[in-house]
Amino acid sequence: MWIQREIESALVAVASSRPATILTGCRQSGKTSLLQRTFPDHAYISLDLPAVAEEAEESGESFLSRNPSPLIIDEVQYAPQLLRHIKADIDARRDEMGRFLITGSQRFPLMQGVTESLAGRAAIVPLHTLSAREFERWSGETLDRQSLLDWILRGGYPELHARSLDAPRFYADYLATYIERDVRSVLNVRSLRDFNRFMRLCAARTGQLLSYNALAADVGVSPNTIKSWLSVLEASGIVHLLDPYHRNLGKRLIKTPKLYFLDTGLACFLTGLQTPQELER
């Protein structure tokens, strides 16, 4: 069952004003479904399959000739060289808007390719998991205190609600595939156990001031390693580092940020919270 997203109208407006639109966000936030439903006339191709990604990476021009626009390209971070050929295709027909709709789950490598190839040609649109307001509109339920606690525990990944999935099983599978596919592709993590403990410690600190040294001491790695791991969580749309607000601009830039998980259900799962009563305490 489709859950209406508030970003749909903004996405349509952005796509009508740029040759390419890049939708970023964590895995399972609903990027692909949103694009396919909002732009039904666009063809679709996924680079999740290694053979397809290799073709797009090595033979971008012929790949685009076999898959002409308007086109949705899913998980473009697996073929970053394709962006150079998309740039050439856009420049050949610069006045045509909304031709390429692109998704990516790893913002750092994706943004590097955008900066190098699609600067001035692409709009960047972030997509998060469901908000409580989107859930209320879809379910017809007004969240009171008790149901809000249930919502915080379950989180906002659309598939959890649309298919009534078991939340603990969903998050266990999500973390396993996330670490396997994203973390190992970006970082040379020697100990997945250390990285898993790092994620749990971050979840326990959500909403608190970030201390690299404290996290490093608790995990048993260097502060630079913590910075590297946090950059991957941030690039994957898992966490957000909120800079402080001060009247003094200089203080805004140098004061300690706060660490937030962008989905409450994932944070609760990582910290072992299972019931509303545990969450209240």
C-alpha atoms as a PDB file:
ATOM      1  CA  MET A   1       0.000   0.000   0.000  1.00  0.00           C
ATOM      2  CA  TRP A   2       1.442   3.343  -1.050  1.00  0.00           C
ATOM      3  CA  ILE A   3       2.182   5.954   1.618  1.00  0.00           C
ATOM      4  CA  GLN A   4       1.936   9.512   0.300  1.00  0.00           C
ATOM      5  CA  ARG A   5       5.152  11.475   0.799  1.00  0.00           C
ATOM      6  CA  GLU A   6       5.104  15.211   1.461  1.00  0.00           C
ATOM      7  CA  ILE A   7       8.105  15.753  -0.782  1.00  0.00           C
ATOM      8  CA  GLU A   8       6.298  14.615  -3.965  1.00  0.00           C
ATOM      9  CA  SER A   9       5.126  18.055  -5.140  1.00  0.00           C
ATOM     10  CA  ALA A  10       8.531  19.604  -4.435  1.00  0.00           C
ATOM     11  CA  LEU A  11      10.214  16.774  -6.331  1.00  0.00           C
ATOM     12  CA  VAL A  12       8.021  17.355  -9.387  1.00  0.00           C
ATOM     13  CA  ALA A  13       8.758  21.085  -9.306  1.00  0.00           C
ATOM     14  CA  VAL A  14      12.505  20.518  -9.025  1.00  0.00           C
ATOM     15  CA  ALA A  15      12.558  17.948 -11.829  1.00  0.00           C
ATOM     16  CA  SER A  16      10.760  20.352 -14.151  1.00  0.00           C
ATOM     17  CA  SER A  17      13.510  22.937 -13.710  1.00  0.00           C
ATOM     18  CA  ARG A  18      16.677  20.796 -14.028  1.00  0.00           C
ATOM     19  CA  PRO A  19      17.885  18.310 -16.644  1.00  0.00           C
ATOM     20  CA  ALA A  20      18.834  15.898 -13.840  1.00  0.00           C
ATOM     21  CA  THR A  21      17.517  15.386 -10.316  1.00  0.00           C
ATOM     22  CA  ILE A  22      19.388  13.340  -7.725  1.00  0.00           C
ATOM     23  CA  LEU A  23      17.380  11.830  -4.872  1.00  0.00           C
ATOM     24  CA  THR A  24      19.584  10.851  -1.924  1.00  0.00           C
ATOM     25  CA  GLY A  25      18.765   9.082   1.320  1.00  0.00           C
ATOM     26  CA  CYS A  26      19.382   5.989   3.389  1.00  0.00           C
ATOM     27  CA  ARG A  27      18.551   2.543   2.098  1.00  0.00           C
ATOM     28  CA  GLN A  28      14.861   1.586   2.323  1.00  0.00           C
ATOM     29  CA  SER A  29      13.720   5.197   2.680  1.00  0.00           C
ATOM     30  CA  GLY A  30      11.549   4.761  -0.426  1.00  0.00           C
ATOM     31  CA  LYS A  31      13.594   6.573  -3.104  1.00  0.00           C
ATOM     32  CA  THR A  32      12.937   4.123  -5.933  1.00  0.00           C
ATOM     33  CA  SER A  33       9.230   3.711  -5.218  1.00  0.00           C
ATOM     34  CA  LEU A  34       8.779   7.462  -4.952  1.00  0.00           C
ATOM     35  CA  LEU A  35      10.389   8.141  -8.329  1.00  0.00           C
ATOM     36  CA  GLN A  36       8.581   5.312 -10.128  1.00  0.00           C
ATOM     37  CA  ARG A  37       5.205   6.396  -8.775  1.00  0.00           C
ATOM     38  CA  THR A  38       5.733  10.121  -9.312  1.00  0.00           C
ATOM     39  CA  PHE A  39       7.233   9.749 -12.812  1.00  0.00           C
ATOM     40  CA  PRO A  40       5.480   6.738 -14.414  1.00  0.00           C
ATOM     41  CA  ASP A  41       6.554   7.731 -17.953  1.00  0.00           C
ATOM     42  CA  HIS A  42      10.255   7.335 -17.155  1.00  0.00           C
ATOM     43  CA  ALA A  43      12.002   4.071 -17.924  1.00  0.00           C
ATOM     44  CA  TYR A  44      13.785   2.420 -15.002  1.00  0.00           C
ATOM     45  CA  ILE A  45      17.131   0.691 -14.610  1.00  0.00           C
ATOM     46  CA  SER A  46      18.990  -0.376 -11.466  1.00  0.00           C
ATOM     47  CA  LEU A  47      22.752  -0.506 -11.043  1.00  0.00           C
ATOM     48  CA  ASP A  48      22.423  -2.830  -8.052  1.00  0.00           C
ATOM     49  CA  LEU A  49      23.282  -5.739 -10.333  1.00  0.00           C
ATOM     50  CA  PRO A  50      27.076  -5.974 -10.760  1.00  0.00           C
ATOM     51  CA  ALA A  51      26.886  -6.759 -14.483  1.00  0.00           C
ATOM     52  CA  VAL A  52      24.679  -3.736 -15.184  1.00  0.00           C
ATOM     53  CA  ALA A  53      26.868  -1.478 -13.036  1.00  0.00           C
ATOM     54  CA  GLU A  54      30.002  -2.677 -14.821  1.00  0.00           C
ATOM     55  CA  GLU A  55      28.481  -1.940 -18.220  1.00  0.00           C
ATOM     56  CA  ALA A  56      27.423   1.541 -17.085  1.00  0.00           C
ATOM     57  CA  GLU A  57      30.871   2.223 -15.609  1.00  0.00           C
ATOM     58  CA  GLU A  58      32.947   0.936 -18.532  1.00  0.00           C
ATOM     59  CA  SER A  59      30.700   1.785 -21.504  1.00  0.00           C
ATOM     60  CA  GLY A  60      28.624   4.735 -20.383  1.00  0.00           C
ATOM     61  CA  GLU A  61      27.889   6.131 -23.841  1.00  0.00           C
ATOM     62  CA  SER A  62      26.571   2.856 -25.237  1.00  0.00           C
ATOM     63  CA  PHE A  63      24.737   2.208 -21.964  1.00  0.00           C
ATOM     64  CA  LEU A  64      22.799   5.465 -22.350  1.00  0.00           C
ATOM     65  CA  SER A  65      22.108   4.805 -26.023  1.00  0.00           C
ATOM     66  CA  ARG A  66      20.478   1.492 -25.050  1.00  0.00           C
ATOM     67  CA  ASN A  67      18.635   3.153 -22.176  1.00  0.00           C
ATOM     68  CA  PRO A  68      17.513   6.551 -23.495  1.00  0.00           C
ATOM     69  CA  SER A  69      15.948   9.267 -21.386  1.00  0.00           C
ATOM     70  CA  PRO A  70      13.607   9.998 -19.734  1.00  0.00           C
ATOM     71  CA  LEU A  71      15.224   7.532 -17.368  1.00  0.00           C
ATOM     72  CA  ILE A  72      15.355   6.641 -13.681  1.00  0.00           C
ATOM     73  CA  ILE A  73      18.817   5.373 -12.718  1.00  0.00           C
ATOM     74  CA  ASP A  74      18.870   3.596  -9.370  1.00  0.00           C
ATOM     75  CA  GLU A  75      21.951   3.408  -7.079  1.00  0.00           C
ATOM     76  CA  VAL A  76      24.273   5.363  -9.362  1.00  0.00           C
ATOM     77  CA  GLN A  77      27.102   5.245  -6.785  1.00  0.00           C
ATOM     78  CA  TYR A  78      27.995   1.819  -8.197  1.00  0.00           C
ATOM     79  CA  ALA A  79      28.951   3.414 -11.534  1.00  0.00           C
ATOM     80  CA  PRO A  80      30.263   6.935 -10.828  1.00  0.00           C
ATOM     81  CA  GLN A  81      31.878   7.268 -14.267  1.00  0.00           C
ATOM     82  CA  LEU A  82      28.411   7.148 -15.811  1.00  0.00           C
ATOM     83  CA  LEU A  83      27.824  10.699 -14.567  1.00  0.00           C
ATOM     84  CA  ARG A  84      30.385  12.020 -17.070  1.00  0.00           C
ATOM     85  CA  HIS A  85      28.386  10.531 -19.933  1.00  0.00           C
ATOM     86  CA  ILE A  86      25.137  11.854 -18.483  1.00  0.00           C
ATOM     87  CA  LYS A  87      26.757  15.304 -18.483  1.00  0.00           C
ATOM     88  CA  ALA A  88      27.607  14.990 -22.191  1.00  0.00           C
ATOM     89  CA  ASP A  89      24.077  13.792 -22.969  1.00  0.00           C
ATOM     90  CA  ILE A  90      22.564  16.715 -21.035  1.00  0.00           C
ATOM     91  CA  ASP A  91      24.815  19.261 -22.768  1.00  0.00           C
ATOM     92  CA  ALA A  92      23.687  17.979 -26.157  1.00  0.00           C
ATOM     93  CA  ARG A  93      20.038  18.742 -25.209  1.00  0.00           C
ATOM     94  CA  ARG A  94      20.424  21.321 -22.463  1.00  0.00           C
ATOM     95  CA  ASP A  95      16.929  22.820 -22.758  1.00  0.00           C
ATOM     96  CA  GLU A  96      15.128  19.546 -21.983  1.00  0.00           C
ATOM     97  CA  MET A  97      14.284  19.203 -18.292  1.00  0.00           C
ATOM     98  CA  GLY A  98      13.560  16.185 -16.126  1.00  0.00           C
ATOM     99  CA  ARG A  99      15.380  13.716 -18.347  1.00  0.00           C
ATOM    100  CA  PHE A 100      17.430  11.922 -15.692  1.00  0.00           C
ATOM    101  CA  LEU A 101      16.165  10.988 -12.243  1.00  0.00           C
ATOM    102  CA  ILE A 102      18.981   9.454 -10.210  1.00  0.00           C
ATOM    103  CA  THR A 103      19.097   7.829  -6.785  1.00  0.00           C
ATOM    104  CA  GLY A 104      22.054   7.196  -4.504  1.00  0.00           C
ATOM    105  CA  SER A 105      22.470   5.771  -1.011  1.00  0.00           C
ATOM    106  CA  GLN A 106      26.041   6.919  -0.418  1.00  0.00           C
ATOM    107  CA  ARG A 107      26.282  10.697  -0.601  1.00  0.00           C
ATOM    108  CA  PHE A 108      30.068  11.156  -0.416  1.00  0.00           C
ATOM    109  CA  PRO A 109      31.089   9.265  -3.594  1.00  0.00           C
ATOM    110  CA  LEU A 110      27.896  10.388  -5.277  1.00  0.00           C
ATOM    111  CA  MET A 111      28.424  14.069  -4.464  1.00  0.00           C
ATOM    112  CA  GLN A 112      32.033  13.869  -5.652  1.00  0.00           C
ATOM    113  CA  GLY A 113      30.796  12.691  -9.036  1.00  0.00           C
ATOM    114  CA  VAL A 114      28.093  15.343  -9.122  1.00  0.00           C
ATOM    115  CA  THR A 115      30.594  18.088  -8.275  1.00  0.00           C
ATOM    116  CA  GLU A 116      32.941  16.951 -11.009  1.00  0.00           C
ATOM    117  CA  SER A 117      30.392  16.194 -13.724  1.00  0.00           C
ATOM    118  CA  LEU A 118      26.931  17.626 -13.080  1.00  0.00           C
ATOM    119  CA  ALA A 119      27.610  20.963 -11.404  1.00  0.00           C
ATOM    120  CA  GLY A 120      24.877  23.378 -12.467  1.00  0.00           C
ATOM    121  CA  ARG A 121      22.970  20.618 -14.228  1.00  0.00           C
ATOM    122  CA  ALA A 122      21.493  18.635 -11.361  1.00  0.00           C
ATOM    123  CA  ALA A 123      19.334  19.361  -8.333  1.00  0.00           C
ATOM    124  CA  ILE A 124      19.951  17.451  -5.098  1.00  0.00           C
ATOM    125  CA  VAL A 125      16.890  16.363  -3.094  1.00  0.00           C
ATOM    126  CA  PRO A 126      17.269  14.472   0.225  1.00  0.00           C
ATOM    127  CA  LEU A 127      14.646  11.926   1.287  1.00  0.00           C
ATOM    128  CA  HIS A 128      14.314  10.724   4.883  1.00  0.00           C
ATOM    129  CA  THR A 129      12.136   8.004   6.363  1.00  0.00           C
ATOM    130  CA  LEU A 130       8.491   8.734   7.158  1.00  0.00           C
ATOM    131  CA  SER A 131       7.624  11.602   9.429  1.00  0.00           C
ATOM    132  CA  ALA A 132       4.979  11.169  12.124  1.00  0.00           C
ATOM    133  CA  ARG A 133       2.759  13.553  10.144  1.00  0.00           C
ATOM    134  CA  GLU A 134       3.032  11.388   7.007  1.00  0.00           C
ATOM    135  CA  PHE A 135       2.154   8.331   9.074  1.00  0.00           C
ATOM    136  CA  GLU A 136      -0.868  10.079  10.587  1.00  0.00           C
ATOM    137  CA  ARG A 137      -2.148  11.127   7.173  1.00  0.00           C
ATOM    138  CA  TRP A 138      -1.726   7.592   5.785  1.00  0.00           C
ATOM    139  CA  SER A 139      -3.137   5.677   8.746  1.00  0.00           C
ATOM    140  CA  GLY A 140      -5.882   8.114   9.703  1.00  0.00           C
ATOM    141  CA  GLU A 141      -4.633   7.828  13.280  1.00  0.00           C
ATOM    142  CA  THR A 142      -3.814  10.803  15.500  1.00  0.00           C
ATOM    143  CA  LEU A 143      -0.785  10.014  17.625  1.00  0.00           C
ATOM    144  CA  ASP A 144      -1.413  10.427  21.349  1.00  0.00           C
ATOM    145  CA  ARG A 145       1.209   9.867  24.026  1.00  0.00           C
ATOM    146  CA  GLN A 146       1.013   6.065  23.952  1.00  0.00           C
ATOM    147  CA  SER A 147       0.857   5.681  20.171  1.00  0.00           C
ATOM    148  CA  LEU A 148       3.696   8.188  19.800  1.00  0.00           C
ATOM    149  CA  LEU A 149       5.901   5.958  21.957  1.00  0.00           C
ATOM    150  CA  ASP A 150       4.925   3.004  19.752  1.00  0.00           C
ATOM    151  CA  TRP A 151       5.793   5.094  16.674  1.00  0.00           C
ATOM    152  CA  ILE A 152       9.204   6.058  18.071  1.00  0.00           C
ATOM    153  CA  LEU A 153       9.994   2.389  18.756  1.00  0.00           C
ATOM    154  CA  ARG A 154       8.871   1.227  15.315  1.00  0.00           C
ATOM    155  CA  GLY A 155      10.463   4.050  13.326  1.00  0.00           C
ATOM    156  CA  GLY A 156       9.614   5.480   9.931  1.00  0.00           C
ATOM    157  CA  TYR A 157      10.905   3.087   7.273  1.00  0.00           C
ATOM    158  CA  PRO A 158       7.946   2.928   4.839  1.00  0.00           C
ATOM    159  CA  GLU A 159       8.085  -0.825   4.218  1.00  0.00           C
ATOM    160  CA  LEU A 160       7.656  -1.525   7.940  1.00  0.00           C
ATOM    161  CA  HIS A 161       4.231   0.112   7.896  1.00  0.00           C
ATOM    162  CA  ALA A 162       3.051  -0.634   4.362  1.00  0.00           C
ATOM    163  CA  ARG A 163       3.695  -4.394   4.778  1.00  0.00           C
ATOM    164  CA  SER A 164       3.234  -4.668   8.571  1.00  0.00           C
ATOM    165  CA  LEU A 165       6.673  -6.228   8.987  1.00  0.00           C
ATOM    166  CA  ASP A 166       8.208  -7.361  12.257  1.00  0.00           C
ATOM    167  CA  ALA A 167      10.354  -4.405  13.335  1.00  0.00           C
ATOM    168  CA  PRO A 168      13.174  -6.234  15.186  1.00  0.00           C
ATOM    169  CA  ARG A 169      13.659  -8.651  12.299  1.00  0.00           C
ATOM    170  CA  PHE A 170      13.577  -5.794   9.782  1.00  0.00           C
ATOM    171  CA  TYR A 171      16.263  -3.813  11.634  1.00  0.00           C
ATOM    172  CA  ALA A 172      18.459  -6.885  12.177  1.00  0.00           C
ATOM    173  CA  ASP A 173      18.395  -7.613   8.437  1.00  0.00           C
ATOM    174  CA  TYR A 174      18.817  -3.925   7.632  1.00  0.00           C
ATOM    175  CA  LEU A 175      21.979  -3.609   9.712  1.00  0.00           C
ATOM    176  CA  ALA A 176      23.437  -6.820   8.314  1.00  0.00           C
ATOM    177  CA  THR A 177      22.962  -5.727   4.703  1.00  0.00           C
ATOM    178  CA  TYR A 178      23.966  -2.120   5.438  1.00  0.00           C
ATOM    179  CA  ILE A 179      27.291  -3.136   6.970  1.00  0.00           C
ATOM    180  CA  GLU A 180      27.937  -5.680   4.244  1.00  0.00           C
ATOM    181  CA  ARG A 181      27.078  -3.469   1.270  1.00  0.00           C
ATOM    182  CA  ASP A 182      27.832   0.107   2.270  1.00  0.00           C
ATOM    183  CA  VAL A 183      30.382   0.055   5.066  1.00  0.00           C
ATOM    184  CA  ARG A 184      32.691  -2.518   3.523  1.00  0.00           C
ATOM    185  CA  SER A 185      32.543  -0.762   0.166  1.00  0.00           C
ATOM    186  CA  VAL A 186      33.758   2.537   1.654  1.00  0.00           C
ATOM    187  CA  LEU A 187      35.807   1.601   4.734  1.00  0.00           C
ATOM    188  CA  ASN A 188      38.362  -1.064   5.406  1.00  0.00           C
ATOM    189  CA  VAL A 189      36.810  -2.052   8.725  1.00  0.00           C
ATOM    190  CA  ARG A 190      39.046  -4.634  10.364  1.00  0.00           C
ATOM    191  CA  SER A 191      36.543  -5.590  13.063  1.00  0.00           C
ATOM    192  CA  LEU A 192      32.838  -5.572  12.244  1.00  0.00           C
ATOM    193  CA  ARG A 193      32.228  -6.222  15.939  1.00  0.00           C
ATOM    194  CA  ASP A 194      33.934  -2.919  16.795  1.00  0.00           C
ATOM    195  CA  PHE A 195      31.891  -1.109  14.162  1.00  0.00           C
ATOM    196  CA  ASN A 196      28.676  -2.653  15.454  1.00  0.00           C
ATOM    197  CA  ARG A 197      29.543  -1.580  19.005  1.00  0.00           C
ATOM    198  CA  PHE A 198      30.342   1.888  17.674  1.00  0.00           C
ATOM    199  CA  MET A 199      26.869   2.162  16.101  1.00  0.00           C
ATOM    200  CA  ARG A 200      25.210   1.075  19.342  1.00  0.00           C
ATOM    201  CA  LEU A 201      27.175   3.612  21.352  1.00  0.00           C
ATOM    202  CA  CYS A 202      26.210   6.336  18.863  1.00  0.00           C
ATOM    203  CA  ALA A 203      22.534   5.352  19.195  1.00  0.00           C
ATOM    204  CA  ALA A 204      22.812   5.595  22.994  1.00  0.00           C
ATOM    205  CA  ARG A 205      24.203   9.121  22.559  1.00  0.00           C
ATOM    206  CA  THR A 206      21.597  10.390  20.099  1.00  0.00           C
ATOM    207  CA  GLY A 207      20.615  13.967  20.961  1.00  0.00           C
ATOM    208  CA  GLN A 208      23.818  14.503  22.939  1.00  0.00           C
ATOM    209  CA  LEU A 209      26.957  16.519  22.288  1.00  0.00           C
ATOM    210  CA  LEU A 210      29.399  14.566  20.172  1.00  0.00           C
ATOM    211  CA  SER A 211      32.750  13.632  21.716  1.00  0.00           C
ATOM    212  CA  TYR A 212      35.111  11.797  19.372  1.00  0.00           C
ATOM    213  CA  ASN A 213      37.537  11.074  22.199  1.00  0.00           C
ATOM    214  CA  ALA A 214      34.868   9.545  24.451  1.00  0.00           C
ATOM    215  CA  LEU A 215      33.553   7.338  21.650  1.00  0.00           C
ATOM    216  CA  ALA A 216      37.103   6.300  20.733  1.00  0.00           C
ATOM    217  CA  ALA A 217      37.879   5.331  24.323  1.00  0.00           C
ATOM    218  CA  ASP A 218      34.667   3.290  24.642  1.00  0.00           C
ATOM    219  CA  VAL A 219      35.136   1.455  21.334  1.00  0.00           C
ATOM    220  CA  GLY A 220      38.902   1.028  21.685  1.00  0.00           C
ATOM    221  CA  VAL A 221      39.941   2.754  18.449  1.00  0.00           C
ATOM    222  CA  SER A 222      41.512   6.105  17.576  1.00  0.00           C
ATOM    223  CA  PRO A 223      39.523   9.383  17.362  1.00  0.00           C
ATOM    224  CA  ASN A 224      40.410   9.584  13.655  1.00  0.00           C
ATOM    225  CA  THR A 225      38.812   6.184  13.122  1.00  0.00           C
ATOM    226  CA  ILE A 226      35.664   7.408  14.869  1.00  0.00           C
ATOM    227  CA  LYS A 227      35.591  10.462  12.582  1.00  0.00           C
ATOM    228  CA  SER A 228      35.932   8.225   9.535  1.00  0.00           C
ATOM    229  CA  TRP A 229      33.177   5.878  10.681  1.00  0.00           C
ATOM    230  CA  LEU A 230      30.853   8.762  11.539  1.00  0.00           C
ATOM    231  CA  SER A 231      31.395  10.255   8.100  1.00  0.00           C
ATOM    232  CA  VAL A 232      30.115   7.019   6.584  1.00  0.00           C
ATOM    233  CA  LEU A 233      27.021   6.985   8.810  1.00  0.00           C
ATOM    234  CA  GLU A 234      26.375  10.601   7.839  1.00  0.00           C
ATOM    235  CA  ALA A 235      26.951   9.918   4.134  1.00  0.00           C
ATOM    236  CA  SER A 236      24.541   6.985   4.287  1.00  0.00           C
ATOM    237  CA  GLY A 237      21.738   9.059   5.780  1.00  0.00           C
ATOM    238  CA  ILE A 238      21.856   7.191   9.094  1.00  0.00           C
ATOM    239  CA  VAL A 239      22.916  10.069  11.360  1.00  0.00           C
ATOM    240  CA  HIS A 240      23.002  13.847  11.244  1.00  0.00           C
ATOM    241  CA  LEU A 241      25.487  16.116  12.995  1.00  0.00           C
ATOM    242  CA  LEU A 242      23.600  19.221  14.085  1.00  0.00           C
ATOM    243  CA  ASP A 243      25.830  22.275  14.342  1.00  0.00           C
ATOM    244  CA  PRO A 244      25.098  24.569  17.318  1.00  0.00           C
ATOM    245  CA  TYR A 245      23.362  27.895  16.950  1.00  0.00           C
ATOM    246  CA  HIS A 246      25.139  30.923  18.408  1.00  0.00           C
ATOM    247  CA  ARG A 247      24.769  34.616  17.742  1.00  0.00           C
ATOM    248  CA  ASN A 248      28.499  34.604  17.086  1.00  0.00           C
ATOM    249  CA  LEU A 249      29.125  33.030  13.662  1.00  0.00           C
ATOM    250  CA  GLY A 250      32.585  31.873  14.664  1.00  0.00           C
ATOM    251  CA  LYS A 251      31.176  29.889  17.566  1.00  0.00           C
ATOM    252  CA  ARG A 252      28.704  28.175  15.268  1.00  0.00           C
ATOM    253  CA  LEU A 253      31.643  26.837  13.289  1.00  0.00           C
ATOM    254  CA  ILE A 254      33.857  25.661  16.142  1.00  0.00           C
ATOM    255  CA  LYS A 255      31.495  24.539  18.908  1.00  0.00           C
ATOM    256  CA  THR A 256      30.660  20.857  19.376  1.00  0.00           C
ATOM    257  CA  PRO A 257      27.755  19.502  17.258  1.00  0.00           C
ATOM    258  CA  LYS A 258      25.056  17.157  18.523  1.00  0.00           C
ATOM    259  CA  LEU A 259      24.663  13.652  17.140  1.00  0.00           C
ATOM    260  CA  TYR A 260      21.201  12.548  15.977  1.00  0.00           C
ATOM    261  CA  PHE A 261      19.974   9.322  14.416  1.00  0.00           C
ATOM    262  CA  LEU A 262      17.603  10.210  11.600  1.00  0.00           C
ATOM    263  CA  ASP A 263      15.276   7.300  12.342  1.00  0.00           C
ATOM    264  CA  THR A 264      14.098   6.676  15.903  1.00  0.00           C
ATOM    265  CA  GLY A 265      13.260   3.015  15.288  1.00  0.00           C
ATOM    266  CA  LEU A 266      16.825   2.218  14.253  1.00  0.00           C
ATOM    267  CA  ALA A 267      18.175   4.073  17.303  1.00  0.00           C
ATOM    268  CA  CYS A 268      15.822   2.151  19.598  1.00  0.00           C
ATOM    269  CA  PHE A 269      16.787  -1.187  18.070  1.00  0.00           C
ATOM    270  CA  LEU A 270      20.491  -0.456  18.450  1.00  0.00           C
ATOM    271  CA  THR A 271      20.067   0.491  22.108  1.00  0.00           C
ATOM    272  CA  GLY A 272      17.968  -2.592  22.851  1.00  0.00           C
ATOM    273  CA  LEU A 273      14.706  -0.784  23.646  1.00  0.00           C
ATOM    274  CA  GLN A 274      11.756  -3.092  23.019  1.00  0.00           C
ATOM    275  CA  THR A 275       8.724  -1.708  24.875  1.00  0.00           C
ATOM    276  CA  PRO A 276       7.143   1.729  25.404  1.00  0.00           C
ATOM    277  CA  GLN A 277       7.776   1.343  29.134  1.00  0.00           C
ATOM    278  CA  GLU A 278      11.523   0.910  28.569  1.00  0.00           C
ATOM    279  CA  LEU A 279      11.505   3.908  26.271  1.00  0.00           C
ATOM    280  CA  GLU A 280       9.730   6.077  28.867  1.00  0.00           C
ATOM    281  CA  ARG A 281      12.290   5.145  31.508  1.00  0.00           C
END
